[in-house]
């Protein structure tokens, strides 16, 4: 069995505890306006014309976005990094795209990684069937779970999909007893107004179980915009600016009222 992967990042420190290898799986059912990995949206391998500029000159070349890996390929990469992973109490994180879009391969990879003693994490939008999540729970130590918006209409407007199953899956994972870190992308004009933030805080408090270990506030940034330019994809965020440090600190203080650890950034 093979999985389609568009990037593998070694020495990752923002996708779970310790030093990790993050495997970015290709394909995502969401189409978020602020996505910083546009090359991960399509579920198929792509050859993309990439244009780079040096001074006044432009150079174009074909770039492959997406390559098939076996589970053994991933284990081989992990084993080369084992000393750093072990010393830092790190592990492997499957991200994307949306890794649940390749649920069968993901399950096999997680099972193999657990069999080799690696701490496992899955970074997910929450948009998949509960059966798919149930199939990987035994082999997943940590879920990094995105909550983008509680309002269904706003969620559809900016991501293209409903959030009903996402919130249901969140509750189910909380009940599973597995560790969860909630990730909240802070998008100006979308989910950062005071009234909504109070509502989100209340939601996190009322659904909280001992599984919820941390809340990560992820400020929108323009880093991904350079990819859109390189891959000649229209960038939809226009002049949206990164939230100020002061605003992020105020949000952190608000969410500390949940009784859960809060961190700005991954």
Protein backbone atom coordinates (compact mmCIF):
# COMPACT_ATOMS: atom_id res chain seq x y z
CA UNK A 1 0.00 0.00 0.00
CA UNK A 2 1.20 3.49 -0.83
CA UNK A 3 0.25 6.97 0.30
CA UNK A 4 0.51 10.21 -1.65
CA UNK A 5 2.72 12.71 0.17
CA UNK A 6 3.78 16.19 -0.92
CA UNK A 7 6.39 16.93 1.75
CA UNK A 8 8.25 15.33 4.64
CA UNK A 9 9.71 17.72 7.18
CA UNK A 10 12.45 16.52 9.49
CA UNK A 11 13.32 18.25 12.76
CA UNK A 12 9.82 19.70 13.12
CA UNK A 13 9.09 21.34 16.49
CA UNK A 14 5.58 22.76 15.95
CA UNK A 15 3.50 19.65 15.29
CA UNK A 16 3.43 17.98 18.67
CA UNK A 17 5.87 17.36 21.52
CA UNK A 18 9.61 17.13 21.00
CA UNK A 19 11.44 16.86 17.70
CA UNK A 20 9.27 15.21 15.09
CA UNK A 21 9.08 14.09 11.50
CA UNK A 22 5.97 15.61 9.91
CA UNK A 23 4.50 13.79 6.94
CA UNK A 24 2.31 16.04 4.77
CA UNK A 25 -0.27 13.88 3.01
CA UNK A 26 -1.77 15.16 -0.23
CA UNK A 27 -5.45 15.90 -0.70
CA UNK A 28 -7.91 17.97 1.32
CA UNK A 29 -11.73 18.14 1.17
CA UNK A 30 -11.61 21.72 2.46
CA UNK A 31 -10.65 24.73 0.40
CA UNK A 32 -9.78 27.34 3.03
CA UNK A 33 -9.18 30.86 1.77
CA UNK A 34 -6.07 31.19 3.97
CA UNK A 35 -4.54 27.77 3.20
CA UNK A 36 -0.74 27.96 3.41
CA UNK A 37 -0.22 24.60 1.67
CA UNK A 38 -2.12 25.03 -1.63
CA UNK A 39 -0.02 22.27 -3.19
CA UNK A 40 -1.65 19.86 -0.73
CA UNK A 41 -5.27 20.42 -1.75
CA UNK A 42 -5.56 18.22 -4.84
CA UNK A 43 -5.73 14.47 -4.05
CA UNK A 44 -3.74 13.67 -7.18
CA UNK A 45 -0.08 14.05 -8.18
CA UNK A 46 0.48 17.31 -9.99
CA UNK A 47 3.11 18.77 -12.24
CA UNK A 48 3.07 22.49 -11.59
CA UNK A 49 4.86 25.21 -13.51
CA UNK A 50 6.85 27.10 -10.91
CA UNK A 51 8.12 30.57 -11.71
CA UNK A 52 10.97 32.17 -9.76
CA UNK A 53 12.34 35.66 -10.23
CA UNK A 54 15.98 36.68 -9.85
CA UNK A 55 16.37 40.40 -10.37
CA UNK A 56 14.57 41.28 -13.60
CA UNK A 57 14.68 37.75 -14.96
CA UNK A 58 12.12 34.98 -14.55
CA UNK A 59 12.92 31.27 -14.62
CA UNK A 60 10.24 28.60 -14.96
CA UNK A 61 10.46 24.88 -14.31
CA UNK A 62 8.15 21.95 -13.74
CA UNK A 63 7.80 20.87 -10.12
CA UNK A 64 6.27 17.57 -8.98
CA UNK A 65 3.74 18.08 -6.18
CA UNK A 66 3.04 14.67 -4.72
CA UNK A 67 5.01 11.42 -4.53
CA UNK A 68 3.96 7.93 -3.47
CA UNK A 69 5.58 6.42 -0.37
CA UNK A 70 5.19 3.02 1.24
CA UNK A 71 4.91 2.55 4.99
CA UNK A 72 8.43 1.10 4.95
CA UNK A 73 9.68 4.27 3.25
CA UNK A 74 8.32 6.33 6.14
CA UNK A 75 9.78 3.98 8.76
CA UNK A 76 13.18 4.23 7.07
CA UNK A 77 13.08 8.03 7.35
CA UNK A 78 12.01 7.85 11.00
CA UNK A 79 14.73 5.38 11.89
CA UNK A 80 17.37 7.78 10.55
CA UNK A 81 16.03 10.45 12.93
CA UNK A 82 15.44 8.14 15.89
CA UNK A 83 18.23 9.52 18.09
CA UNK A 84 16.80 13.07 17.91
CA UNK A 85 13.25 11.82 18.32
CA UNK A 86 14.08 9.71 21.36
CA UNK A 87 16.22 12.32 23.12
CA UNK A 88 13.52 14.99 22.73
CA UNK A 89 10.55 12.66 23.41
CA UNK A 90 9.27 13.46 19.95
CA UNK A 91 7.67 11.32 17.29
CA UNK A 92 5.89 11.42 13.96
CA UNK A 93 2.99 13.64 12.91
CA UNK A 94 0.76 13.01 9.90
CA UNK A 95 -0.53 16.29 8.53
CA UNK A 96 -1.66 17.61 5.17
CA UNK A 97 -3.73 18.44 3.31
CA UNK A 98 -6.04 16.21 5.31
CA UNK A 99 -4.49 12.86 6.27
CA UNK A 100 -7.93 11.32 6.88
CA UNK A 101 -8.55 11.51 3.14
CA UNK A 102 -6.14 8.57 2.89
CA UNK A 103 -7.54 6.82 5.96
CA UNK A 104 -6.55 3.26 5.08
CA UNK A 105 -2.92 4.14 4.40
CA UNK A 106 -2.86 6.40 7.46
CA UNK A 107 -4.06 3.57 9.68
CA UNK A 108 -1.37 1.21 8.36
CA UNK A 109 1.33 3.85 8.81
CA UNK A 110 0.24 4.72 12.36
CA UNK A 111 0.08 1.06 13.33
CA UNK A 112 3.58 0.46 11.98
CA UNK A 113 4.98 3.55 13.71
CA UNK A 114 3.44 2.53 17.04
CA UNK A 115 4.89 -0.96 16.54
CA UNK A 116 8.34 0.62 16.30
CA UNK A 117 7.79 2.63 19.49
CA UNK A 118 7.20 6.07 17.98
CA UNK A 119 4.83 8.63 19.51
CA UNK A 120 2.17 9.32 16.89
CA UNK A 121 0.08 12.41 16.14
CA UNK A 122 -2.53 13.27 13.52
CA UNK A 123 -3.12 16.88 12.49
CA UNK A 124 -6.68 17.02 11.18
CA UNK A 125 -9.42 19.41 10.10
CA UNK A 126 -11.92 17.01 11.67
CA UNK A 127 -13.71 16.48 8.35
CA UNK A 128 -14.07 12.73 7.86
CA UNK A 129 -16.35 9.92 8.98
CA UNK A 130 -16.37 8.87 12.62
CA UNK A 131 -15.60 5.34 11.43
CA UNK A 132 -12.34 6.59 9.94
CA UNK A 133 -11.39 8.23 13.22
CA UNK A 134 -12.40 5.16 15.20
CA UNK A 135 -10.08 3.04 13.04
CA UNK A 136 -6.98 5.09 13.94
CA UNK A 137 -7.70 5.90 17.60
CA UNK A 138 -5.86 2.78 18.89
CA UNK A 139 -2.67 3.84 17.08
CA UNK A 140 -2.77 7.61 17.68
CA UNK A 141 -1.33 9.22 20.82
CA UNK A 142 -2.29 12.80 20.02
CA UNK A 143 -4.81 14.58 17.81
CA UNK A 144 -4.10 18.13 16.64
CA UNK A 145 -7.66 19.22 15.89
CA UNK A 146 -8.59 22.38 14.00
CA UNK A 147 -11.63 24.40 15.01
CA UNK A 148 -12.04 27.10 12.40
CA UNK A 149 -15.54 28.38 13.15
CA UNK A 150 -18.61 27.27 15.13
CA UNK A 151 -21.14 28.82 12.75
CA UNK A 152 -22.00 26.45 9.90
CA UNK A 153 -22.75 29.14 7.31
CA UNK A 154 -19.49 30.99 7.97
CA UNK A 155 -17.60 27.70 7.88
CA UNK A 156 -19.07 26.78 4.49
CA UNK A 157 -18.37 30.28 3.17
CA UNK A 158 -14.64 30.14 3.87
CA UNK A 159 -13.81 26.41 3.72
CA UNK A 160 -16.39 24.99 1.33
CA UNK A 161 -17.75 22.39 3.78
CA UNK A 162 -20.11 22.16 6.75
CA UNK A 163 -18.71 21.97 10.27
CA UNK A 164 -21.46 19.72 11.71
CA UNK A 165 -19.52 16.47 11.38
CA UNK A 166 -16.32 18.25 12.46
CA UNK A 167 -17.81 19.30 15.79
CA UNK A 168 -19.39 15.85 16.25
CA UNK A 169 -16.01 14.23 15.64
CA UNK A 170 -14.38 16.60 18.11
CA UNK A 171 -16.79 15.49 20.83
CA UNK A 172 -16.21 11.84 19.97
CA UNK A 173 -12.44 12.21 20.16
CA UNK A 174 -12.74 13.99 23.52
CA UNK A 175 -14.72 11.00 24.75
CA UNK A 176 -12.07 8.57 23.47
CA UNK A 177 -9.58 9.58 26.14
CA UNK A 178 -6.83 10.38 23.62
CA UNK A 179 -4.79 13.57 24.06
CA UNK A 180 -6.08 16.49 22.02
CA UNK A 181 -4.57 19.86 21.19
CA UNK A 182 -7.10 22.27 19.68
CA UNK A 183 -5.70 24.48 16.96
CA UNK A 184 -7.51 27.73 16.20
CA UNK A 185 -6.38 29.61 13.08
CA UNK A 186 -6.92 33.28 13.91
CA UNK A 187 -8.19 34.88 10.71
CA UNK A 188 -8.96 38.64 10.85
CA UNK A 189 -12.55 39.36 9.86
CA UNK A 190 -13.52 35.69 10.07
CA UNK A 191 -13.20 34.42 13.63
CA UNK A 192 -11.52 37.11 15.71
CA UNK A 193 -14.35 39.38 16.90
CA UNK A 194 -14.92 39.54 20.69
CA UNK A 195 -18.48 38.16 20.63
CA UNK A 196 -17.46 35.10 18.65
CA UNK A 197 -14.37 34.48 20.78
CA UNK A 198 -16.53 34.45 23.92
CA UNK A 199 -18.81 31.93 22.23
CA UNK A 200 -15.84 29.75 21.29
CA UNK A 201 -14.46 29.93 24.82
CA UNK A 202 -17.82 28.79 26.19
CA UNK A 203 -17.89 25.90 23.70
CA UNK A 204 -14.44 24.72 24.76
CA UNK A 205 -15.39 24.92 28.44
CA UNK A 206 -18.70 23.08 28.09
CA UNK A 207 -17.25 20.26 25.95
CA UNK A 208 -13.97 19.96 27.87
CA UNK A 209 -12.73 16.64 29.19
CA UNK A 210 -9.35 15.67 30.58
CA UNK A 211 -8.32 14.83 27.00
CA UNK A 212 -7.99 18.50 26.07
CA UNK A 213 -4.36 19.27 26.86
CA UNK A 214 -3.67 22.55 25.07
CA UNK A 215 -5.14 25.29 22.89
CA UNK A 216 -2.92 26.64 20.13
CA UNK A 217 -3.77 30.05 18.68
CA UNK A 218 -2.33 30.22 15.17
CA UNK A 219 -2.19 33.80 13.86
CA UNK A 220 -2.80 34.19 10.15
CA UNK A 221 0.38 34.95 8.25
CA UNK A 222 1.32 35.70 4.67
CA UNK A 223 4.13 33.14 4.44
CA UNK A 224 2.04 30.89 2.23
CA UNK A 225 1.34 33.69 -0.25
CA UNK A 226 4.74 33.16 -1.86
CA UNK A 227 3.68 29.62 -2.81
CA UNK A 228 0.64 30.98 -4.62
CA UNK A 229 2.90 33.23 -6.64
CA UNK A 230 5.37 30.46 -7.41
CA UNK A 231 2.63 28.06 -8.48
CA UNK A 232 0.60 30.72 -10.31
CA UNK A 233 -2.48 30.20 -8.11
CA UNK A 234 -4.74 33.20 -7.27
CA UNK A 235 -4.33 34.31 -3.65
CA UNK A 236 -7.71 35.09 -2.09
CA UNK A 237 -6.69 36.80 1.15
CA UNK A 238 -5.89 40.14 -0.48
CA UNK A 239 -4.72 42.76 2.01
CA UNK A 240 -5.58 40.82 5.19
CA UNK A 241 -2.90 41.58 7.76
CA UNK A 242 -1.38 39.38 10.45
CA UNK A 243 -3.04 39.89 13.87
CA UNK A 244 -0.97 42.09 16.17
CA UNK A 245 0.98 40.65 19.07
CA UNK A 246 -1.21 42.62 21.47
CA UNK A 247 -4.38 41.13 20.01
CA UNK A 248 -2.97 37.61 20.21
CA UNK A 249 -1.97 38.15 23.84
CA UNK A 250 -5.48 39.30 24.72
CA UNK A 251 -6.88 36.21 23.04
CA UNK A 252 -4.49 34.03 24.98
CA UNK A 253 -5.65 35.56 28.25
CA UNK A 254 -9.27 34.98 27.25
CA UNK A 255 -8.76 31.30 26.46
CA UNK A 256 -6.75 30.73 29.64
CA UNK A 257 -10.14 31.10 31.33
CA UNK A 258 -10.93 27.62 29.99
CA UNK A 259 -8.45 26.19 32.50
CA UNK A 260 -6.38 24.73 29.65
CA UNK A 261 -2.83 25.64 28.64
CA UNK A 262 -2.76 28.15 25.79
CA UNK A 263 0.08 28.84 23.38
CA UNK A 264 0.40 31.38 20.59
CA UNK A 265 1.70 29.52 17.58
CA UNK A 266 2.16 25.81 16.90
